[in-house]
Each structure stands twice: as C-alpha cells, then as structure tokens.
N, C-alpha and C. Protein backbone atom coordinates (compact mmCIF):
# COMPACT_ATOMS: atom_id res chain seq x y z
N MET A 1 -2.95 15.72 -13.94
CA MET A 1 -3.19 16.83 -13.09
C MET A 1 -3.36 16.43 -11.61
N ARG A 2 -2.95 17.01 -10.66
CA ARG A 2 -3.04 16.46 -9.35
C ARG A 2 -4.32 17.02 -8.77
N LYS A 3 -4.94 16.15 -7.93
CA LYS A 3 -6.28 16.65 -7.31
C LYS A 3 -6.05 16.68 -5.72
N SER A 4 -6.39 17.70 -4.97
CA SER A 4 -6.29 18.05 -3.64
C SER A 4 -7.21 17.00 -2.71
N ILE A 5 -6.75 16.54 -1.76
CA ILE A 5 -7.75 15.70 -0.89
C ILE A 5 -7.95 17.17 0.35
N ASP A 6 -9.28 17.85 0.11
CA ASP A 6 -9.29 18.98 0.73
C ASP A 6 -9.47 18.86 2.32
N ASN A 7 -10.09 17.70 2.86
CA ASN A 7 -10.57 17.99 4.24
C ASN A 7 -10.17 16.87 5.30
N LYS A 8 -9.01 16.25 4.69
CA LYS A 8 -8.95 14.95 5.42
C LYS A 8 -7.76 14.90 6.51
N ILE A 9 -6.72 15.72 6.37
CA ILE A 9 -5.59 15.89 7.19
C ILE A 9 -5.39 17.08 8.06
N GLU A 10 -4.89 17.10 8.95
CA GLU A 10 -4.55 18.17 9.81
C GLU A 10 -3.74 19.23 9.27
N ASP A 11 -3.55 20.35 9.43
CA ASP A 11 -2.80 21.53 8.79
C ASP A 11 -1.40 21.47 9.38
N VAL A 12 -0.42 20.62 8.73
CA VAL A 12 1.00 20.74 9.02
C VAL A 12 1.77 21.45 8.34
N SER A 13 1.98 22.77 8.62
CA SER A 13 2.94 23.47 7.99
C SER A 13 2.73 23.45 6.51
N ASN A 14 3.63 23.24 5.64
CA ASN A 14 3.37 23.24 4.12
C ASN A 14 3.26 21.86 3.79
N ILE A 15 3.02 20.85 4.56
CA ILE A 15 2.78 19.27 4.02
C ILE A 15 1.42 19.42 3.50
N LYS A 16 1.09 18.75 2.11
CA LYS A 16 -0.53 18.62 1.62
C LYS A 16 -0.51 17.08 1.22
N ALA A 17 -1.63 16.74 1.45
CA ALA A 17 -2.11 15.48 1.07
C ALA A 17 -2.77 15.64 -0.33
N ILE A 18 -2.23 14.85 -1.68
CA ILE A 18 -2.51 15.12 -2.92
C ILE A 18 -2.61 13.76 -3.52
N TYR A 19 -3.67 13.79 -4.29
CA TYR A 19 -3.85 12.40 -5.13
C TYR A 19 -2.71 12.58 -6.17
N LEU A 20 -1.88 11.52 -6.39
CA LEU A 20 -1.00 11.30 -7.38
C LEU A 20 -1.38 11.47 -8.63
N ALA A 21 -0.52 12.13 -9.64
CA ALA A 21 -0.56 12.23 -11.14
C ALA A 21 0.36 11.31 -11.69
N ALA A 22 0.27 11.11 -13.05
CA ALA A 22 1.06 10.42 -13.72
C ALA A 22 2.66 10.72 -13.68
N GLU A 23 2.92 11.85 -13.52
CA GLU A 23 4.06 12.29 -13.54
C GLU A 23 4.84 12.14 -12.04
N ASP A 24 4.07 11.84 -10.95
CA ASP A 24 4.42 11.44 -9.81
C ASP A 24 4.96 9.89 -9.69
N LEU A 25 4.52 9.08 -10.40
CA LEU A 25 4.49 7.53 -10.40
C LEU A 25 6.16 7.14 -10.08
N LYS A 26 6.85 7.66 -10.92
CA LYS A 26 8.33 7.41 -10.78
C LYS A 26 8.93 7.59 -9.41
N ILE A 27 8.74 8.80 -9.01
CA ILE A 27 9.12 9.09 -7.68
C ILE A 27 8.55 8.28 -6.38
N ALA A 28 7.31 7.99 -6.67
CA ALA A 28 6.43 7.11 -5.71
C ALA A 28 6.79 5.63 -5.74
N ALA A 29 7.40 5.02 -6.90
CA ALA A 29 8.05 3.93 -6.93
C ALA A 29 9.49 3.82 -6.35
N SER A 30 10.05 4.86 -6.39
CA SER A 30 11.38 4.89 -5.77
C SER A 30 11.07 4.95 -4.04
N ILE A 31 10.22 5.59 -3.65
CA ILE A 31 9.99 5.81 -2.23
C ILE A 31 9.61 4.43 -1.78
N LEU A 32 8.44 3.65 -2.45
CA LEU A 32 8.31 2.50 -1.96
C LEU A 32 9.04 1.24 -2.03
N TYR A 33 10.14 1.45 -2.97
CA TYR A 33 11.06 0.53 -3.00
C TYR A 33 11.91 0.71 -1.93
N LEU A 34 12.62 1.73 -1.54
CA LEU A 34 13.22 1.76 -0.19
C LEU A 34 12.20 1.46 0.94
N ALA A 35 11.06 1.64 0.97
CA ALA A 35 10.30 1.21 2.12
C ALA A 35 10.11 -0.21 2.29
N TYR A 36 10.14 -1.06 1.01
CA TYR A 36 9.94 -2.56 1.18
C TYR A 36 11.05 -3.27 1.04
N TYR A 37 12.45 -2.75 0.77
CA TYR A 37 13.41 -3.35 0.54
C TYR A 37 13.78 -4.43 1.48
N ASP A 38 13.41 -4.29 2.59
CA ASP A 38 13.84 -5.15 3.83
C ASP A 38 12.59 -5.72 4.29
N ASP A 39 11.57 -5.53 3.74
CA ASP A 39 10.31 -6.14 4.39
C ASP A 39 10.41 -7.52 4.02
N PRO A 40 10.00 -8.53 5.20
CA PRO A 40 10.48 -9.87 5.19
C PRO A 40 9.35 -10.61 3.99
N LEU A 41 8.16 -10.11 3.94
CA LEU A 41 7.49 -10.67 2.90
C LEU A 41 7.97 -10.47 1.50
N PHE A 42 8.19 -9.37 1.06
CA PHE A 42 9.14 -9.06 -0.36
C PHE A 42 10.54 -9.73 -0.30
N VAL A 43 11.18 -9.90 0.68
CA VAL A 43 12.37 -10.45 0.63
C VAL A 43 12.17 -11.99 0.32
N ASP A 44 11.01 -12.57 0.95
CA ASP A 44 10.69 -13.87 0.55
C ASP A 44 10.24 -14.02 -0.75
N ILE A 45 9.27 -13.44 -1.22
CA ILE A 45 8.72 -13.68 -2.44
C ILE A 45 9.39 -13.37 -3.51
N PHE A 46 10.35 -12.33 -3.36
CA PHE A 46 11.04 -11.85 -4.69
C PHE A 46 12.68 -12.61 -4.48
N GLN A 47 12.79 -13.42 -3.51
CA GLN A 47 14.05 -14.11 -3.44
C GLN A 47 15.25 -13.36 -3.25
N TYR A 48 15.39 -12.69 -2.06
CA TYR A 48 16.46 -11.66 -1.85
C TYR A 48 17.75 -12.60 -2.24
N ASN A 49 17.88 -13.76 -1.84
CA ASN A 49 19.36 -14.42 -1.79
C ASN A 49 19.76 -14.75 -3.26
N LYS A 50 18.81 -14.42 -4.10
CA LYS A 50 19.12 -14.72 -5.66
C LYS A 50 19.49 -13.53 -6.52
N GLU A 51 20.31 -13.77 -7.38
CA GLU A 51 20.58 -12.52 -8.27
C GLU A 51 19.48 -11.75 -8.80
N GLY A 52 19.44 -10.39 -8.88
CA GLY A 52 18.36 -9.59 -9.51
C GLY A 52 17.10 -9.36 -8.59
N TYR A 53 17.36 -9.59 -7.25
CA TYR A 53 16.25 -9.16 -6.16
C TYR A 53 16.07 -7.73 -6.59
N GLU A 54 16.93 -6.88 -6.56
CA GLU A 54 16.46 -5.35 -6.76
C GLU A 54 15.72 -5.14 -7.95
N SER A 55 16.22 -5.71 -9.03
CA SER A 55 15.43 -5.57 -10.38
C SER A 55 14.01 -6.27 -10.15
N ARG A 56 13.81 -7.49 -9.53
CA ARG A 56 12.37 -7.89 -9.47
C ARG A 56 11.61 -6.97 -8.64
N LEU A 57 12.19 -6.60 -7.42
CA LEU A 57 11.37 -5.54 -6.64
C LEU A 57 10.84 -4.45 -7.09
N ARG A 58 11.88 -3.85 -8.06
CA ARG A 58 11.60 -2.51 -8.68
C ARG A 58 10.58 -2.82 -9.61
N SER A 59 10.49 -3.89 -10.41
CA SER A 59 9.70 -4.07 -11.45
C SER A 59 8.33 -4.52 -10.82
N ALA A 60 8.27 -5.00 -9.56
CA ALA A 60 6.78 -5.56 -9.14
C ALA A 60 6.11 -4.09 -8.54
N ILE A 61 6.93 -3.37 -7.81
CA ILE A 61 6.28 -2.03 -7.39
C ILE A 61 5.79 -1.21 -8.66
N ARG A 62 6.65 -1.18 -9.46
CA ARG A 62 6.16 -0.41 -10.67
C ARG A 62 5.12 -0.96 -11.31
N GLU A 63 4.92 -2.21 -11.49
CA GLU A 63 3.75 -2.81 -12.32
C GLU A 63 2.52 -2.71 -11.25
N GLU A 64 2.87 -2.72 -9.96
CA GLU A 64 1.64 -2.45 -8.95
C GLU A 64 1.24 -1.02 -9.11
N LEU A 65 1.86 0.14 -9.16
CA LEU A 65 1.55 1.38 -9.47
C LEU A 65 0.80 1.77 -10.57
N HIS A 66 1.27 0.90 -11.61
CA HIS A 66 0.71 1.14 -13.02
C HIS A 66 -0.85 0.36 -12.98
N ALA A 67 -0.83 -0.77 -12.11
CA ALA A 67 -2.21 -1.50 -12.20
C ALA A 67 -3.18 -0.38 -11.45
N PHE A 68 -2.59 0.28 -10.31
CA PHE A 68 -3.49 1.23 -9.51
C PHE A 68 -4.02 2.42 -10.31
N TRP A 69 -3.15 2.78 -11.26
CA TRP A 69 -3.39 3.98 -12.11
C TRP A 69 -4.36 3.64 -13.24
N VAL A 70 -4.29 2.44 -13.72
CA VAL A 70 -5.13 2.03 -14.80
C VAL A 70 -6.50 1.89 -14.44
N ALA A 71 -6.42 1.27 -12.96
CA ALA A 71 -7.73 1.01 -12.21
C ALA A 71 -8.31 2.24 -11.61
N LYS A 72 -7.53 3.14 -11.71
CA LYS A 72 -8.16 4.41 -10.98
C LYS A 72 -8.40 4.26 -9.50
N GLN A 73 -7.44 3.68 -9.09
CA GLN A 73 -7.43 3.45 -7.41
C GLN A 73 -6.79 4.60 -6.78
N PRO A 74 -7.26 4.91 -5.55
CA PRO A 74 -6.59 6.05 -4.87
C PRO A 74 -5.22 5.74 -4.40
N MET A 75 -4.33 6.61 -4.92
CA MET A 75 -3.02 6.96 -4.49
C MET A 75 -2.45 8.13 -3.97
N ILE A 76 -2.15 8.24 -2.82
CA ILE A 76 -2.19 9.37 -2.03
C ILE A 76 -0.61 9.85 -1.80
N GLY A 77 -0.17 11.00 -2.03
CA GLY A 77 1.19 11.38 -1.76
C GLY A 77 1.03 12.72 -0.80
N LEU A 78 2.00 12.72 0.27
CA LEU A 78 2.31 13.87 0.98
C LEU A 78 3.32 14.59 -0.01
N PHE A 79 3.05 15.90 -0.09
CA PHE A 79 4.18 16.78 -0.59
C PHE A 79 4.53 18.11 0.22
N GLU A 80 5.94 18.12 0.34
CA GLU A 80 6.36 19.28 0.81
C GLU A 80 6.79 20.26 -0.11
N ASP A 81 5.88 21.23 -0.18
CA ASP A 81 5.94 21.97 -1.60
C ASP A 81 5.79 21.16 -2.70
N SER A 82 6.61 21.05 -3.70
CA SER A 82 6.41 20.35 -4.82
C SER A 82 7.12 18.74 -4.75
N ARG A 83 7.85 18.64 -3.61
CA ARG A 83 8.51 17.50 -3.35
C ARG A 83 7.87 16.39 -2.79
N LEU A 84 7.60 15.26 -3.39
CA LEU A 84 6.84 13.99 -3.00
C LEU A 84 7.65 13.22 -1.93
N ILE A 85 7.16 13.18 -0.54
CA ILE A 85 7.85 12.53 0.15
C ILE A 85 7.12 11.31 1.03
N ALA A 86 6.12 11.03 0.69
CA ALA A 86 5.23 9.85 1.30
C ALA A 86 4.26 9.36 0.43
N VAL A 87 3.94 8.29 0.60
CA VAL A 87 2.94 7.72 -0.50
C VAL A 87 1.99 6.48 0.18
N ALA A 88 0.62 6.36 -0.31
CA ALA A 88 -0.05 5.29 0.41
C ALA A 88 -0.94 5.09 -1.03
N CYS A 89 -1.26 3.47 -0.94
CA CYS A 89 -1.93 3.08 -2.30
C CYS A 89 -3.12 2.22 -1.58
N LEU A 90 -4.48 2.56 -1.94
CA LEU A 90 -5.38 1.92 -1.54
C LEU A 90 -6.28 1.26 -2.58
N VAL A 91 -6.84 -0.04 -2.43
CA VAL A 91 -7.51 -0.52 -3.25
C VAL A 91 -9.18 -0.37 -2.67
N SER A 92 -10.16 0.31 -3.62
CA SER A 92 -11.45 0.57 -3.21
C SER A 92 -12.10 -0.58 -3.02
N PRO A 93 -13.36 -0.79 -2.20
CA PRO A 93 -14.04 -1.93 -2.19
C PRO A 93 -14.93 -2.38 -3.36
N GLU A 94 -15.31 -1.51 -4.28
CA GLU A 94 -16.09 -1.77 -5.54
C GLU A 94 -15.09 -2.31 -6.58
N ASN A 95 -13.78 -2.18 -6.43
CA ASN A 95 -12.83 -2.30 -7.70
C ASN A 95 -12.04 -3.72 -7.35
N GLN A 96 -11.32 -3.70 -6.26
CA GLN A 96 -10.38 -4.96 -6.03
C GLN A 96 -9.46 -5.25 -7.05
N LEU A 97 -9.41 -4.23 -8.12
CA LEU A 97 -8.15 -4.49 -8.94
C LEU A 97 -8.51 -5.89 -9.81
N ALA A 98 -9.57 -6.33 -10.03
CA ALA A 98 -10.02 -7.60 -10.79
C ALA A 98 -11.08 -7.20 -11.44
N PRO A 99 -11.57 -7.86 -12.83
CA PRO A 99 -10.42 -8.99 -13.40
C PRO A 99 -9.50 -8.41 -14.30
N SER A 100 -9.75 -7.26 -14.59
CA SER A 100 -8.62 -6.55 -15.66
C SER A 100 -7.14 -6.76 -14.99
N ARG A 101 -6.88 -6.47 -13.79
CA ARG A 101 -5.62 -6.55 -13.44
C ARG A 101 -4.86 -8.07 -13.51
N PHE A 102 -6.01 -8.90 -13.23
CA PHE A 102 -5.13 -10.37 -13.33
C PHE A 102 -4.94 -10.77 -14.68
N TRP A 103 -5.20 -10.15 -15.76
CA TRP A 103 -4.82 -10.35 -17.08
C TRP A 103 -3.42 -9.41 -17.60
N HIS A 104 -3.73 -8.39 -17.49
CA HIS A 104 -2.66 -7.56 -18.05
C HIS A 104 -1.46 -7.49 -16.81
N TRP A 105 -2.03 -7.07 -15.76
CA TRP A 105 -1.03 -7.04 -14.72
C TRP A 105 -0.07 -8.39 -14.62
N ARG A 106 -0.95 -9.46 -14.50
CA ARG A 106 -0.22 -10.55 -14.11
C ARG A 106 0.78 -11.08 -15.28
N LEU A 107 0.42 -10.71 -16.43
CA LEU A 107 1.51 -11.05 -17.72
C LEU A 107 2.47 -10.15 -17.50
N LYS A 108 2.34 -8.79 -17.11
CA LYS A 108 3.66 -8.08 -17.18
C LYS A 108 4.45 -8.46 -15.78
N MET A 109 3.85 -8.83 -14.81
CA MET A 109 4.61 -9.22 -13.89
C MET A 109 5.25 -10.68 -14.06
N LEU A 110 4.69 -11.45 -14.66
CA LEU A 110 5.55 -12.63 -15.04
C LEU A 110 6.91 -12.26 -15.90
N LEU A 111 6.68 -11.30 -16.91
CA LEU A 111 7.87 -11.10 -17.77
C LEU A 111 8.78 -10.38 -16.75
N THR A 112 8.36 -9.60 -15.72
CA THR A 112 9.45 -8.57 -14.97
C THR A 112 9.81 -9.22 -13.74
N ALA A 113 8.96 -9.48 -12.98
CA ALA A 113 9.28 -10.17 -11.63
C ALA A 113 9.30 -11.68 -11.56
N GLY A 114 8.89 -12.43 -12.65
CA GLY A 114 9.14 -13.73 -12.85
C GLY A 114 7.92 -14.64 -12.13
N TYR A 115 7.84 -15.97 -12.55
CA TYR A 115 6.74 -16.71 -12.30
C TYR A 115 6.62 -16.89 -10.76
N PHE A 116 7.60 -17.15 -9.92
CA PHE A 116 7.48 -17.40 -8.55
C PHE A 116 6.82 -16.28 -7.73
N GLY A 117 7.67 -15.11 -8.15
CA GLY A 117 7.03 -13.78 -7.41
C GLY A 117 5.68 -13.49 -7.61
N THR A 118 5.23 -13.59 -8.90
CA THR A 118 3.85 -13.54 -9.42
C THR A 118 2.85 -14.20 -8.84
N LYS A 119 3.21 -15.65 -8.64
CA LYS A 119 2.14 -16.50 -8.18
C LYS A 119 1.90 -16.11 -6.64
N GLN A 120 3.15 -15.80 -5.87
CA GLN A 120 3.02 -15.69 -4.48
C GLN A 120 2.30 -14.20 -4.12
N MET A 121 2.63 -13.19 -5.04
CA MET A 121 1.80 -12.02 -4.74
C MET A 121 0.32 -12.23 -5.02
N VAL A 122 -0.07 -12.97 -6.05
CA VAL A 122 -1.68 -13.19 -6.12
C VAL A 122 -2.00 -14.20 -4.83
N GLU A 123 -1.42 -14.99 -4.63
CA GLU A 123 -1.88 -16.00 -3.61
C GLU A 123 -2.00 -15.16 -2.21
N LYS A 124 -1.07 -14.31 -2.01
CA LYS A 124 -1.13 -13.60 -0.67
C LYS A 124 -2.20 -12.71 -0.61
N GLU A 125 -2.37 -12.04 -1.88
CA GLU A 125 -3.76 -10.99 -1.88
C GLU A 125 -4.87 -11.80 -1.69
N SER A 126 -4.99 -12.89 -2.43
CA SER A 126 -6.32 -13.71 -1.82
C SER A 126 -6.53 -14.10 -0.55
N LEU A 127 -5.39 -14.57 -0.01
CA LEU A 127 -5.68 -15.10 1.27
C LEU A 127 -5.80 -14.04 2.42
N VAL A 128 -5.38 -12.97 2.37
CA VAL A 128 -5.62 -11.77 3.05
C VAL A 128 -6.92 -11.34 3.02
N ARG A 129 -7.33 -11.34 1.78
CA ARG A 129 -8.81 -10.68 1.47
C ARG A 129 -9.83 -11.83 2.02
N GLU A 130 -9.67 -13.00 2.16
CA GLU A 130 -10.41 -13.97 2.53
C GLU A 130 -10.65 -13.97 4.17
N ARG A 131 -9.49 -13.15 4.90
CA ARG A 131 -9.68 -13.30 6.21
C ARG A 131 -10.04 -12.06 6.96
N ILE A 132 -10.45 -10.90 6.10
CA ILE A 132 -10.90 -9.81 6.60
C ILE A 132 -12.16 -9.92 7.06
N PRO A 133 -12.38 -9.27 8.08
CA PRO A 133 -14.05 -9.42 8.76
C PRO A 133 -14.87 -8.38 8.16
N ALA A 134 -15.09 -8.41 7.02
CA ALA A 134 -15.93 -7.31 6.48
C ALA A 134 -16.25 -7.79 5.05
N ASN A 135 -17.15 -7.18 4.36
CA ASN A 135 -17.60 -7.70 2.99
C ASN A 135 -17.13 -6.44 2.16
N HIS A 136 -17.33 -5.11 2.60
CA HIS A 136 -17.22 -3.98 1.60
C HIS A 136 -16.01 -2.99 2.31
N PHE A 137 -15.02 -3.29 1.94
CA PHE A 137 -13.71 -2.60 2.83
C PHE A 137 -12.71 -2.08 1.72
N HIS A 138 -11.98 -1.07 1.99
CA HIS A 138 -10.70 -0.47 1.61
C HIS A 138 -9.47 -1.62 1.96
N MET A 139 -8.42 -1.56 1.06
CA MET A 139 -7.46 -2.46 1.50
C MET A 139 -6.16 -1.32 1.30
N LEU A 140 -5.44 -1.30 2.41
CA LEU A 140 -3.99 -0.33 2.32
C LEU A 140 -2.95 -1.35 1.61
N SER A 141 -2.64 -1.19 0.62
CA SER A 141 -1.76 -2.14 -0.17
C SER A 141 -0.39 -1.96 -0.02
N LEU A 142 -0.03 -0.51 -0.09
CA LEU A 142 1.47 -0.10 0.05
C LEU A 142 1.44 1.26 0.52
N ILE A 143 2.45 1.43 1.50
CA ILE A 143 2.76 2.78 2.19
C ILE A 143 4.13 2.97 2.48
N GLY A 144 4.61 4.15 2.33
CA GLY A 144 5.98 4.56 2.60
C GLY A 144 6.25 5.95 2.61
N VAL A 145 7.21 6.23 3.69
CA VAL A 145 7.73 7.57 3.76
C VAL A 145 9.34 7.72 3.31
N HIS A 146 9.74 8.65 2.62
CA HIS A 146 11.19 8.83 2.25
C HIS A 146 12.05 8.62 3.44
N PRO A 147 13.03 7.99 3.33
CA PRO A 147 13.85 7.79 4.55
C PRO A 147 14.40 9.17 5.17
N ASP A 148 14.80 10.10 4.62
CA ASP A 148 15.07 11.29 5.31
C ASP A 148 14.01 11.93 5.80
N GLN A 149 12.88 11.66 5.61
CA GLN A 149 11.58 12.29 6.33
C GLN A 149 10.88 11.37 7.35
N GLN A 150 11.52 10.23 7.70
CA GLN A 150 10.96 9.46 8.83
C GLN A 150 10.98 9.81 10.23
N HIS A 151 10.26 9.41 10.95
CA HIS A 151 10.25 9.91 12.36
C HIS A 151 9.86 11.49 12.72
N LEU A 152 9.07 11.99 11.93
CA LEU A 152 8.53 13.35 11.86
C LEU A 152 7.09 13.37 12.08
N GLY A 153 6.40 12.29 12.08
CA GLY A 153 4.94 12.33 12.37
C GLY A 153 4.33 12.35 11.06
N LEU A 154 5.04 11.89 9.95
CA LEU A 154 4.38 12.24 8.47
C LEU A 154 3.54 10.89 8.36
N GLY A 155 3.96 9.92 8.94
CA GLY A 155 3.05 8.60 8.74
C GLY A 155 1.64 8.64 9.19
N HIS A 156 1.59 9.52 10.33
CA HIS A 156 0.23 9.61 11.01
C HIS A 156 -0.71 10.66 10.01
N VAL A 157 0.17 11.63 9.57
CA VAL A 157 -0.68 12.67 8.62
C VAL A 157 -1.07 11.85 7.29
N LEU A 158 -0.27 10.86 6.79
CA LEU A 158 -0.63 10.19 5.77
C LEU A 158 -1.71 9.16 5.85
N MET A 159 -2.00 8.53 7.21
CA MET A 159 -2.74 7.84 7.46
C MET A 159 -4.25 8.41 7.90
N SER A 160 -4.17 9.69 8.36
CA SER A 160 -5.38 10.70 8.42
C SER A 160 -6.04 10.74 6.83
N ALA A 161 -5.30 10.84 6.01
CA ALA A 161 -5.84 11.14 4.59
C ALA A 161 -6.32 9.65 4.19
N VAL A 162 -5.47 8.84 4.34
CA VAL A 162 -6.11 7.25 4.07
C VAL A 162 -7.54 7.10 4.71
N GLU A 163 -7.65 7.48 5.85
CA GLU A 163 -8.94 7.29 6.78
C GLU A 163 -9.89 8.23 6.04
N GLY A 164 -9.51 9.32 5.55
CA GLY A 164 -10.66 10.21 5.28
C GLY A 164 -11.23 9.58 3.92
N ILE A 165 -10.40 9.05 2.94
CA ILE A 165 -10.79 8.37 1.94
C ILE A 165 -11.79 7.24 2.16
N MET A 166 -11.73 6.43 3.14
CA MET A 166 -12.45 5.44 3.71
C MET A 166 -13.80 5.97 4.09
N LEU A 167 -13.76 7.03 4.85
CA LEU A 167 -14.87 7.73 5.20
C LEU A 167 -15.78 8.16 4.19
N ASP A 168 -15.24 8.75 3.33
CA ASP A 168 -15.97 9.36 2.21
C ASP A 168 -16.78 8.31 1.48
N ASP A 169 -16.59 7.05 1.62
CA ASP A 169 -17.30 5.99 1.06
C ASP A 169 -18.10 5.33 2.12
N LYS A 170 -19.50 5.91 2.29
CA LYS A 170 -20.34 5.55 3.39
C LYS A 170 -20.69 4.11 3.56
N ALA A 171 -20.36 3.47 2.57
CA ALA A 171 -20.71 2.06 2.51
C ALA A 171 -19.61 1.37 3.15
N SER A 172 -18.31 1.62 2.92
CA SER A 172 -17.14 1.06 3.48
C SER A 172 -17.05 0.85 4.92
N GLU A 173 -16.76 -0.61 5.38
CA GLU A 173 -16.77 -1.01 6.60
C GLU A 173 -15.40 -0.50 7.53
N GLY A 174 -14.38 -0.13 6.65
CA GLY A 174 -13.12 -0.06 7.21
C GLY A 174 -11.87 -0.31 6.24
N ILE A 175 -10.54 -0.45 6.77
CA ILE A 175 -9.30 -0.59 5.83
C ILE A 175 -8.79 -1.83 6.70
N GLY A 176 -8.32 -2.73 5.72
CA GLY A 176 -7.47 -3.83 6.20
C GLY A 176 -5.94 -3.61 5.80
N MET A 177 -5.08 -4.17 6.61
CA MET A 177 -3.68 -4.19 6.29
C MET A 177 -2.91 -5.21 6.78
N TYR A 178 -2.18 -6.08 6.12
CA TYR A 178 -1.30 -7.01 6.46
C TYR A 178 0.10 -6.70 6.58
N VAL A 179 0.39 -6.42 7.91
CA VAL A 179 1.67 -6.02 8.74
C VAL A 179 2.73 -7.06 9.00
N THR A 180 3.96 -7.13 8.21
CA THR A 180 4.96 -8.17 8.28
C THR A 180 6.16 -7.52 9.13
N LEU A 181 6.11 -6.42 9.33
CA LEU A 181 7.35 -5.89 10.00
C LEU A 181 6.79 -5.36 11.69
N PRO A 182 7.31 -6.00 12.72
CA PRO A 182 6.87 -6.04 14.09
C PRO A 182 6.94 -4.58 14.67
N LYS A 183 8.04 -3.69 14.11
CA LYS A 183 8.13 -2.53 14.37
C LYS A 183 7.11 -1.55 14.06
N CYS A 184 6.26 -2.02 13.03
CA CYS A 184 5.10 -1.16 12.42
C CYS A 184 3.84 -1.54 13.20
N LEU A 185 3.92 -2.45 14.29
CA LEU A 185 2.53 -2.66 14.63
C LEU A 185 2.01 -1.61 15.49
N SER A 186 2.76 -1.05 16.19
CA SER A 186 2.32 -0.10 17.10
C SER A 186 1.94 1.20 16.33
N PHE A 187 2.58 1.39 15.20
CA PHE A 187 1.99 2.60 14.51
C PHE A 187 0.60 2.39 14.08
N PHE A 188 0.19 1.05 13.34
CA PHE A 188 -1.24 1.05 13.21
C PHE A 188 -2.10 0.78 14.26
N GLU A 189 -1.64 0.32 15.50
CA GLU A 189 -2.58 0.20 16.61
C GLU A 189 -2.84 1.74 17.06
N ASP A 190 -1.88 2.75 17.07
CA ASP A 190 -1.95 3.91 17.27
C ASP A 190 -3.22 4.66 16.44
N GLY A 191 -3.32 4.13 14.98
CA GLY A 191 -4.20 4.59 14.28
C GLY A 191 -5.67 3.83 14.28
N ASN A 192 -5.73 3.09 15.46
CA ASN A 192 -7.07 2.28 15.59
C ASN A 192 -7.19 1.17 14.76
N TYR A 193 -6.05 0.75 14.19
CA TYR A 193 -6.11 -0.63 13.57
C TYR A 193 -6.05 -1.80 14.75
N SER A 194 -7.11 -2.79 14.60
CA SER A 194 -7.01 -3.90 15.61
C SER A 194 -6.46 -5.20 14.83
N MET A 195 -5.94 -5.85 15.81
CA MET A 195 -5.27 -7.11 15.43
C MET A 195 -6.45 -8.18 15.24
N ILE A 196 -6.48 -8.63 13.92
CA ILE A 196 -7.37 -9.83 13.60
C ILE A 196 -6.93 -11.17 13.98
N GLU A 197 -5.59 -11.45 13.31
CA GLU A 197 -4.88 -12.89 13.47
C GLU A 197 -3.57 -12.75 12.88
N GLU A 198 -2.72 -13.57 13.43
CA GLU A 198 -1.59 -13.79 12.86
C GLU A 198 -1.83 -14.61 11.58
N LEU A 199 -1.32 -14.33 10.73
CA LEU A 199 -1.46 -14.91 9.41
C LEU A 199 0.00 -15.30 8.73
N GLU A 200 0.21 -16.48 8.49
CA GLU A 200 1.38 -17.22 7.83
C GLU A 200 1.32 -17.24 6.49
N PHE A 201 2.35 -16.76 5.93
CA PHE A 201 2.41 -16.87 4.24
C PHE A 201 3.65 -17.26 3.97
N GLY A 202 3.70 -18.58 3.37
CA GLY A 202 4.93 -18.95 2.92
C GLY A 202 5.91 -19.20 4.26
N ASN A 203 6.96 -18.68 4.25
CA ASN A 203 8.11 -18.68 5.43
C ASN A 203 7.93 -17.46 6.18
N ILE A 204 6.91 -16.73 5.94
CA ILE A 204 6.68 -15.30 6.57
C ILE A 204 5.40 -15.28 7.55
N LYS A 205 5.73 -14.86 8.82
CA LYS A 205 4.55 -14.55 9.71
C LYS A 205 4.37 -13.03 9.68
N GLY A 206 2.91 -12.74 9.50
CA GLY A 206 2.56 -11.25 9.44
C GLY A 206 1.35 -11.19 10.24
N HIS A 207 0.79 -10.10 10.54
CA HIS A 207 -0.24 -9.67 11.36
C HIS A 207 -1.34 -9.05 10.35
N LEU A 208 -2.75 -9.50 10.43
CA LEU A 208 -3.94 -8.77 9.76
C LEU A 208 -4.23 -8.10 10.37
N MET A 209 -4.37 -6.87 10.16
CA MET A 209 -4.97 -5.76 11.17
C MET A 209 -6.41 -5.10 10.02
N PHE A 210 -7.22 -4.64 11.19
CA PHE A 210 -8.30 -3.87 10.39
C PHE A 210 -8.80 -2.60 11.44
N ARG A 211 -8.87 -1.71 10.56
CA ARG A 211 -9.44 -0.33 11.13
C ARG A 211 -10.88 -0.70 10.71
N HIS A 212 -11.83 -0.57 11.73
CA HIS A 212 -13.03 -0.45 11.74
C HIS A 212 -13.57 0.82 11.40
N ARG A 213 -14.70 1.13 10.66
CA ARG A 213 -15.09 2.42 10.59
C ARG A 213 -15.37 3.24 11.88
N LYS A 214 -15.94 2.69 12.73
CA LYS A 214 -16.32 3.32 13.91
C LYS A 214 -15.42 3.12 14.78
N SER A 215 -14.02 2.84 14.64
CA SER A 215 -13.00 2.89 15.75
C SER A 215 -12.54 4.10 15.99
C-alpha cells in the first residue's frame, strides 16, 4: 500500500510524491535502468563492451531495489495520477543496508550481475561512505526520471521530497551523492549540494557531493 509524503514538495499540478509500494518496483527498475544505462560508472562496473551488459545492469538494479525494500529504506516515486514517472532511493543513516544486505544481496548479485560487478559495487559504496564529511547522514543511491518526462522540472520536485525525508530525521547531518555524469553537477549544485572532492574509482572519475542540513 502506498504512503503519501504529505508536506515535503511544492504543489505541482497533479504530480504527487509517494513512497513506493511493492507493485511499483518493476516500473521503478525500468526507469532506473534507462537512467543509468549510459552512466560511466555502471558502464565500467558491468562491462558494457562484453555481451550481456543489459542483463547484468537490469539484474543489479532489480537486486538493489529488492534490498531497499527488504531493509525498509525510503524509495520515493513521483506519480502523475497513477503513472510512476520518477524515482529516488535513499539509505537512512541508521541502516546503511548492512549487514543483512551483504549476505543475501551479495549472493544474489553474484548469481545475476557476476563476481566482478558485485565486487566493484561493494568497493564503490565503501569508498564513497568513507569520504562523506559526516557521521550520521542519508545517502542518495539511485535517482531517475522517465525519459519522456525530463526537462520539465520534475527532478527538482523529486529532490524536494528527498530533502524532506532528510529533514524529518533531526539527527541527520545531510545527504551524500556520488555524481559521475558532468551534466548532472549543476543540477545538484542548484539543490545546495556542495562539491567535496573528485573521487576516482577504477577507470572512472566522479564527484562526491554533500547537501548539508543547514544549506
């Protein structure tokens, strides 16, 4: 059953920010697959040049969403009436999706995405978390807007909902995000995310950003 996010986003016509329900996960996975298909980090981790890239990427995203659901982590969707058009997935400070994730999730990832992809995903997460300038923080793990709904301002609406979840946790110091697409930097900067450092992972250079609570 879907649960509304009552007071965190501006009123934009018939667009509503709602916590995802189990029946939304399949569509959410499709939106995120399209969002990350050309992302340099995922292209590198799941070996775009080798046969089966699409299958490995789909499997990884599906297992990520399943792990979020099992761990009861916040997954937000923007809905136009009943149609899901954008998704964001957060890791709460008190959870960090461990240790349960690193047993069940890692095993399933090994079977679907392969050893190399699984190892790279785990190493990337550990490295990013170590560099966040906070102890109690949210992590924005995945975010995507359906291709036919982009450039309409929905990304900012979605980020307002993300910010609202962080603000509801009075102990949270902010939200971290690892950005690998240069074209997305200005989007996060507009949302008061500050550049922490350029962080190289494997063959990919990305930017670690953090939105401080009081920004």
